[in-house]
């Protein structure tokens, strides 16, 4: 106690340096296909577990509601004998929920389920690209082995291995539990499904467009009468995801060499992608990106007014 007081530290409290080190340990850099590095924070293991529990509760509530409705329908339409339809329908609903609940939401909500959305975490592609349906399917096909099989082993081992020796049950249970707790023992907190699908779970970044960027560009355009013009075909190349990546590049206002290089690299890639005129290839890179950002944002917002939402460059109108 005396030593702690002399050192100016309170027992039981983590030192600021340790907290900073822990925070740095959660940071991961993901490079987008455009060559832009993005710093993301890994989701806490507790948040992932809590999100999964929320999803399981949602599934359980859905099954309970279905059982109630089917029971009412069976009794009212077919009498007491109609109850025979209840169990097959419940089993069918359980099959679809187990196999398609996570697939549906992670594809529909771009890496989130109701549980993940509540905890503000998201599944992303580890290579920096948009999350594809193939990756979502791959990561969720492993859920049966990772989650539901271990739960069945713990809850009712006799149903899976009737009459098997005790040592066989122990080994099978240990294997299933190792898969279930794999995120606890690797640096990036990856499930087997993440390893197979090439994904990881991070804190969901806010998809908010910066108001000051548009204002700055509007002021510059008023003074300079907009130096660069973009055709609708050129603006069709990118979507909301790419707009947010570009926003992240323009957000940093320091004068470092790294920022200058990022601006140059992104500008070159955009010019190549949209087919910029080679006769006008030399541009003021930052001015070009800011005007392209403003034009792309206006183009996407006009499309959304007519019910056309382009999520990324891979989406079709």
Protein backbone atom coordinates (compact mmCIF):
# COMPACT_ATOMS: atom_id res chain seq x y z
CA UNK A 1 0.00 0.00 0.00
CA UNK A 2 2.82 2.36 0.89
CA UNK A 3 4.65 1.62 -2.33
CA UNK A 4 1.55 2.30 -4.38
CA UNK A 5 1.03 5.62 -2.65
CA UNK A 6 4.67 6.61 -3.06
CA UNK A 7 4.50 5.86 -6.76
CA UNK A 8 1.42 8.01 -7.10
CA UNK A 9 -0.77 5.11 -8.30
CA UNK A 10 -3.98 3.78 -6.86
CA UNK A 11 -4.25 0.02 -6.38
CA UNK A 12 -6.71 -1.63 -8.76
CA UNK A 13 -6.52 1.10 -11.42
CA UNK A 14 -4.84 0.53 -14.76
CA UNK A 15 -2.03 2.93 -15.55
CA UNK A 16 -2.68 5.35 -18.42
CA UNK A 17 0.17 3.80 -20.39
CA UNK A 18 -1.38 0.35 -20.09
CA UNK A 19 -4.74 1.68 -21.30
CA UNK A 20 -3.09 3.33 -24.29
CA UNK A 21 -1.21 0.13 -25.07
CA UNK A 22 -4.44 -1.87 -24.90
CA UNK A 23 -6.14 0.60 -27.26
CA UNK A 24 -3.27 0.36 -29.74
CA UNK A 25 -3.55 -3.40 -29.58
CA UNK A 26 -7.13 -3.15 -30.86
CA UNK A 27 -6.25 -1.00 -33.86
CA UNK A 28 -5.97 -2.66 -37.25
CA UNK A 29 -5.07 -1.05 -40.55
CA UNK A 30 -7.09 -2.16 -43.56
CA UNK A 31 -6.09 -1.01 -47.04
CA UNK A 32 -8.99 -0.47 -49.45
CA UNK A 33 -8.79 -1.46 -53.14
CA UNK A 34 -8.12 2.24 -53.84
CA UNK A 35 -4.94 2.02 -51.76
CA UNK A 36 -6.30 4.06 -48.83
CA UNK A 37 -5.32 2.78 -45.36
CA UNK A 38 -8.17 2.83 -42.83
CA UNK A 39 -7.61 2.48 -39.07
CA UNK A 40 -10.32 0.33 -37.47
CA UNK A 41 -10.84 -0.96 -33.94
CA UNK A 42 -11.48 -4.62 -33.26
CA UNK A 43 -14.74 -5.39 -31.50
CA UNK A 44 -14.42 -6.48 -27.89
CA UNK A 45 -14.93 -10.18 -27.24
CA UNK A 46 -17.63 -9.29 -24.73
CA UNK A 47 -19.47 -7.20 -27.33
CA UNK A 48 -19.38 -10.07 -29.82
CA UNK A 49 -20.71 -12.49 -27.21
CA UNK A 50 -23.44 -10.04 -26.16
CA UNK A 51 -24.44 -9.47 -29.79
CA UNK A 52 -24.72 -13.22 -30.33
CA UNK A 53 -26.88 -13.59 -27.20
CA UNK A 54 -29.18 -10.82 -28.47
CA UNK A 55 -29.51 -12.62 -31.80
CA UNK A 56 -30.27 -15.90 -30.02
CA UNK A 57 -32.97 -14.15 -27.98
CA UNK A 58 -34.47 -12.71 -31.19
CA UNK A 59 -34.50 -16.20 -32.71
CA UNK A 60 -36.05 -17.70 -29.59
CA UNK A 61 -38.77 -15.03 -29.50
CA UNK A 62 -39.52 -15.63 -33.19
CA UNK A 63 -39.88 -19.37 -32.57
CA UNK A 64 -42.08 -18.80 -29.50
CA UNK A 65 -44.37 -16.48 -31.45
CA UNK A 66 -44.55 -19.01 -34.30
CA UNK A 67 -45.40 -21.85 -31.90
CA UNK A 68 -48.16 -19.74 -30.36
CA UNK A 69 -49.68 -18.78 -33.72
CA UNK A 70 -49.48 -22.30 -35.13
CA UNK A 71 -51.05 -23.74 -31.99
CA UNK A 72 -53.93 -21.29 -32.22
CA UNK A 73 -54.45 -22.03 -35.91
CA UNK A 74 -54.30 -25.78 -35.37
CA UNK A 75 -56.86 -25.73 -32.56
CA UNK A 76 -59.28 -23.41 -34.33
CA UNK A 77 -59.14 -25.11 -37.74
CA UNK A 78 -58.51 -28.78 -37.07
CA UNK A 79 -59.46 -29.34 -33.46
CA UNK A 80 -57.28 -31.30 -31.08
CA UNK A 81 -55.88 -33.46 -33.89
CA UNK A 82 -54.49 -30.38 -35.59
CA UNK A 83 -51.75 -30.11 -33.00
CA UNK A 84 -49.78 -32.64 -35.03
CA UNK A 85 -48.76 -29.85 -37.41
CA UNK A 86 -47.15 -27.78 -34.69
CA UNK A 87 -43.91 -29.69 -34.21
CA UNK A 88 -43.04 -30.11 -37.94
CA UNK A 89 -43.60 -26.39 -38.55
CA UNK A 90 -41.54 -25.45 -35.51
CA UNK A 91 -38.71 -27.73 -36.64
CA UNK A 92 -38.87 -26.20 -40.11
CA UNK A 93 -38.78 -22.68 -38.67
CA UNK A 94 -35.85 -23.65 -36.44
CA UNK A 95 -33.98 -24.99 -39.47
CA UNK A 96 -34.49 -21.77 -41.44
CA UNK A 97 -33.60 -19.55 -38.49
CA UNK A 98 -30.40 -21.46 -37.73
CA UNK A 99 -29.27 -21.47 -41.34
CA UNK A 100 -30.53 -18.17 -42.75
CA UNK A 101 -30.95 -15.69 -39.89
CA UNK A 102 -27.31 -14.57 -39.87
CA UNK A 103 -26.96 -14.87 -43.64
CA UNK A 104 -30.00 -12.69 -44.31
CA UNK A 105 -29.12 -9.88 -41.93
CA UNK A 106 -25.38 -9.75 -42.60
CA UNK A 107 -26.01 -9.52 -46.35
CA UNK A 108 -28.98 -7.16 -46.05
CA UNK A 109 -27.47 -4.90 -43.39
CA UNK A 110 -23.89 -4.99 -44.72
CA UNK A 111 -22.27 -7.03 -41.97
CA UNK A 112 -24.71 -6.47 -39.13
CA UNK A 113 -27.42 -8.47 -37.40
CA UNK A 114 -29.88 -7.03 -34.86
CA UNK A 115 -27.42 -7.98 -32.12
CA UNK A 116 -24.41 -6.48 -33.87
CA UNK A 117 -26.36 -3.32 -34.68
CA UNK A 118 -27.36 -2.94 -31.02
CA UNK A 119 -23.70 -3.27 -29.92
CA UNK A 120 -22.47 -1.08 -32.84
CA UNK A 121 -20.15 -3.69 -34.33
CA UNK A 122 -19.89 -4.92 -37.90
CA UNK A 123 -18.39 -7.70 -40.01
CA UNK A 124 -15.94 -6.42 -42.64
CA UNK A 125 -13.66 -7.89 -45.30
CA UNK A 126 -10.11 -8.19 -43.93
CA UNK A 127 -8.70 -7.15 -47.32
CA UNK A 128 -10.50 -3.79 -47.22
CA UNK A 129 -13.05 -4.42 -49.97
CA UNK A 130 -16.83 -4.45 -49.60
CA UNK A 131 -18.30 -7.40 -47.72
CA UNK A 132 -19.47 -9.92 -50.33
CA UNK A 133 -22.24 -12.49 -50.11
CA UNK A 134 -19.65 -15.25 -50.66
CA UNK A 135 -17.72 -14.16 -47.56
CA UNK A 136 -20.90 -13.99 -45.46
CA UNK A 137 -22.00 -17.45 -46.61
CA UNK A 138 -18.56 -18.94 -45.94
CA UNK A 139 -18.28 -17.52 -42.42
CA UNK A 140 -21.80 -18.61 -41.45
CA UNK A 141 -21.57 -22.13 -42.83
CA UNK A 142 -19.08 -22.78 -40.03
CA UNK A 143 -21.49 -21.62 -37.33
CA UNK A 144 -23.06 -25.07 -37.06
CA UNK A 145 -19.67 -26.57 -36.15
CA UNK A 146 -18.56 -23.64 -34.01
CA UNK A 147 -21.70 -22.84 -32.03
CA UNK A 148 -24.68 -25.13 -32.38
CA UNK A 149 -22.73 -28.38 -32.18
CA UNK A 150 -20.92 -27.33 -28.96
CA UNK A 151 -24.25 -26.28 -27.46
CA UNK A 152 -25.75 -29.66 -28.36
CA UNK A 153 -22.71 -31.44 -26.89
CA UNK A 154 -23.09 -29.58 -23.61
CA UNK A 155 -26.87 -29.80 -23.42
CA UNK A 156 -27.61 -33.35 -24.61
CA UNK A 157 -24.53 -35.50 -25.37
CA UNK A 158 -26.62 -38.70 -25.37
CA UNK A 159 -28.55 -37.52 -28.41
CA UNK A 160 -25.35 -37.11 -30.45
CA UNK A 161 -23.31 -40.09 -29.31
CA UNK A 162 -25.61 -42.68 -27.73
CA UNK A 163 -23.69 -45.46 -26.11
CA UNK A 164 -20.29 -43.96 -26.89
CA UNK A 165 -17.47 -44.37 -24.32
CA UNK A 166 -16.78 -41.53 -21.96
CA UNK A 167 -13.35 -40.69 -23.40
CA UNK A 168 -14.86 -40.25 -26.90
CA UNK A 169 -17.45 -37.82 -25.59
CA UNK A 170 -14.76 -35.92 -23.73
CA UNK A 171 -12.55 -35.57 -26.81
CA UNK A 172 -15.46 -34.55 -29.01
CA UNK A 173 -16.64 -31.99 -26.45
CA UNK A 174 -13.12 -30.58 -26.08
CA UNK A 175 -12.77 -30.24 -29.87
CA UNK A 176 -16.12 -28.44 -30.12
CA UNK A 177 -15.28 -26.12 -27.24
CA UNK A 178 -11.88 -25.23 -28.73
CA UNK A 179 -13.68 -24.08 -31.90
CA UNK A 180 -16.24 -22.15 -29.89
CA UNK A 181 -13.60 -20.28 -27.87
CA UNK A 182 -11.07 -19.76 -30.66
CA UNK A 183 -11.63 -15.93 -30.70
CA UNK A 184 -10.21 -15.81 -27.17
CA UNK A 185 -6.83 -17.12 -28.27
CA UNK A 186 -5.84 -15.25 -31.42
CA UNK A 187 -4.68 -11.69 -31.90
CA UNK A 188 -7.44 -10.61 -34.28
CA UNK A 189 -10.21 -12.41 -32.33
CA UNK A 190 -11.21 -14.46 -35.37
CA UNK A 191 -13.71 -17.31 -35.40
CA UNK A 192 -13.16 -20.27 -37.69
CA UNK A 193 -15.83 -18.69 -39.87
CA UNK A 194 -13.77 -15.48 -40.04
CA UNK A 195 -10.70 -17.45 -41.08
CA UNK A 196 -12.65 -19.25 -43.81
CA UNK A 197 -14.55 -16.18 -45.03
CA UNK A 198 -11.67 -13.70 -44.81
CA UNK A 199 -13.59 -11.42 -42.43
CA UNK A 200 -13.22 -9.80 -39.02
CA UNK A 201 -15.52 -7.95 -36.64
CA UNK A 202 -14.81 -4.29 -35.82
CA UNK A 203 -16.52 -1.35 -34.21
CA UNK A 204 -18.94 -0.02 -36.80
CA UNK A 205 -17.61 3.28 -38.19
CA UNK A 206 -20.19 6.03 -38.45
CA UNK A 207 -21.37 6.48 -42.02
CA UNK A 208 -21.75 10.23 -41.70
CA UNK A 209 -20.78 12.69 -44.42
CA UNK A 210 -18.79 15.63 -43.15
CA UNK A 211 -20.76 18.86 -43.55
CA UNK A 212 -17.67 21.04 -43.64
CA UNK A 213 -16.25 19.35 -46.76
CA UNK A 214 -19.28 20.22 -48.83
CA UNK A 215 -19.25 23.76 -47.46
CA UNK A 216 -15.58 24.26 -48.27
CA UNK A 217 -16.04 22.96 -51.79
CA UNK A 218 -19.07 25.20 -52.33
CA UNK A 219 -17.05 28.24 -51.28
CA UNK A 220 -14.14 27.26 -53.49
CA UNK A 221 -16.45 26.61 -56.42
CA UNK A 222 -18.02 30.02 -56.00
CA UNK A 223 -14.59 31.63 -56.14
CA UNK A 224 -12.97 29.44 -58.78
CA UNK A 225 -16.13 28.57 -60.79
CA UNK A 226 -15.31 24.87 -60.36
CA UNK A 227 -12.07 23.91 -62.02
CA UNK A 228 -13.00 20.32 -62.92
CA UNK A 229 -16.17 18.99 -64.54
CA UNK A 230 -17.37 15.39 -64.23
CA UNK A 231 -19.85 13.60 -66.47
CA UNK A 232 -22.70 11.43 -65.10
CA UNK A 233 -20.93 8.38 -66.53
CA UNK A 234 -17.80 9.20 -64.53
CA UNK A 235 -19.81 9.68 -61.35
CA UNK A 236 -21.61 6.36 -61.88
CA UNK A 237 -18.33 4.53 -61.28
CA UNK A 238 -18.45 4.89 -57.48
CA UNK A 239 -21.00 4.54 -54.69
CA UNK A 240 -21.56 5.47 -51.04
CA UNK A 241 -18.77 3.26 -49.71
CA UNK A 242 -16.17 4.90 -51.95
CA UNK A 243 -17.53 8.36 -51.08
CA UNK A 244 -16.96 7.63 -47.39
CA UNK A 245 -13.42 6.41 -48.08
CA UNK A 246 -12.69 9.61 -49.99
CA UNK A 247 -14.19 11.61 -47.12
CA UNK A 248 -11.76 9.93 -44.75
CA UNK A 249 -8.83 10.95 -46.94
CA UNK A 250 -9.96 14.58 -47.11
CA UNK A 251 -10.78 14.76 -43.41
CA UNK A 252 -7.14 14.94 -42.29
CA UNK A 253 -5.83 18.49 -42.41
CA UNK A 254 -2.17 17.99 -41.39
CA UNK A 255 0.71 18.79 -43.71
CA UNK A 256 2.48 15.46 -43.35
CA UNK A 257 4.18 13.66 -46.21
CA UNK A 258 1.93 10.62 -45.63
CA UNK A 259 -1.21 12.70 -46.26
CA UNK A 260 0.28 14.23 -49.39
CA UNK A 261 1.18 10.78 -50.73
CA UNK A 262 -2.30 9.43 -49.96
CA UNK A 263 -3.88 12.35 -51.82
CA UNK A 264 -1.67 11.73 -54.85
CA UNK A 265 -2.28 7.96 -54.90
CA UNK A 266 -6.06 8.27 -54.54
CA UNK A 267 -6.22 11.01 -57.17
CA UNK A 268 -4.30 8.88 -59.68
CA UNK A 269 -6.52 5.86 -59.05
CA UNK A 270 -9.73 7.87 -59.42
CA UNK A 271 -8.55 9.48 -62.66
CA UNK A 272 -7.72 6.07 -64.09
CA UNK A 273 -10.99 4.55 -62.92
CA UNK A 274 -13.25 7.26 -64.34
CA UNK A 275 -11.28 7.60 -67.58
CA UNK A 276 -10.04 11.14 -67.04
CA UNK A 277 -8.84 12.91 -70.20
CA UNK A 278 -5.10 12.32 -70.66
CA UNK A 279 -4.70 15.76 -72.19
CA UNK A 280 -5.80 17.23 -68.84
CA UNK A 281 -4.08 14.66 -66.66
CA UNK A 282 -2.05 17.12 -64.58
CA UNK A 283 -4.33 18.48 -61.88
CA UNK A 284 -4.23 20.00 -58.42
CA UNK A 285 -4.76 16.67 -56.64
CA UNK A 286 -6.48 17.91 -53.49
CA UNK A 287 -8.67 20.37 -55.38
CA UNK A 288 -9.57 17.60 -57.83
CA UNK A 289 -10.55 15.22 -55.00
CA UNK A 290 -12.62 17.84 -53.20
CA UNK A 291 -14.55 18.76 -56.33
CA UNK A 292 -14.99 15.10 -57.23
CA UNK A 293 -16.27 14.44 -53.68
CA UNK A 294 -18.81 17.27 -53.98
CA UNK A 295 -19.96 16.13 -57.43
CA UNK A 296 -20.21 12.46 -56.41
CA UNK A 297 -22.10 13.31 -53.23
CA UNK A 298 -24.60 15.47 -55.14
CA UNK A 299 -24.98 12.73 -57.76
CA UNK A 300 -25.67 10.03 -55.14
CA UNK A 301 -28.10 12.25 -53.23
CA UNK A 302 -30.06 12.97 -56.42
CA UNK A 303 -30.29 9.23 -57.06
CA UNK A 304 -31.52 8.57 -53.51
CA UNK A 305 -34.30 11.13 -53.99
CA UNK A 306 -35.63 8.83 -56.73
CA UNK A 307 -35.17 5.65 -54.70
CA UNK A 308 -31.83 4.68 -56.26
CA UNK A 309 -29.25 3.85 -53.61
CA UNK A 310 -25.82 2.75 -54.82
CA UNK A 311 -23.98 1.18 -51.91
CA UNK A 312 -20.59 0.76 -53.62
CA UNK A 313 -18.94 0.44 -57.01
CA UNK A 314 -19.99 -3.21 -57.24
CA UNK A 315 -23.70 -2.42 -56.81
CA UNK A 316 -25.96 -2.21 -59.81
CA UNK A 317 -28.57 0.48 -60.21
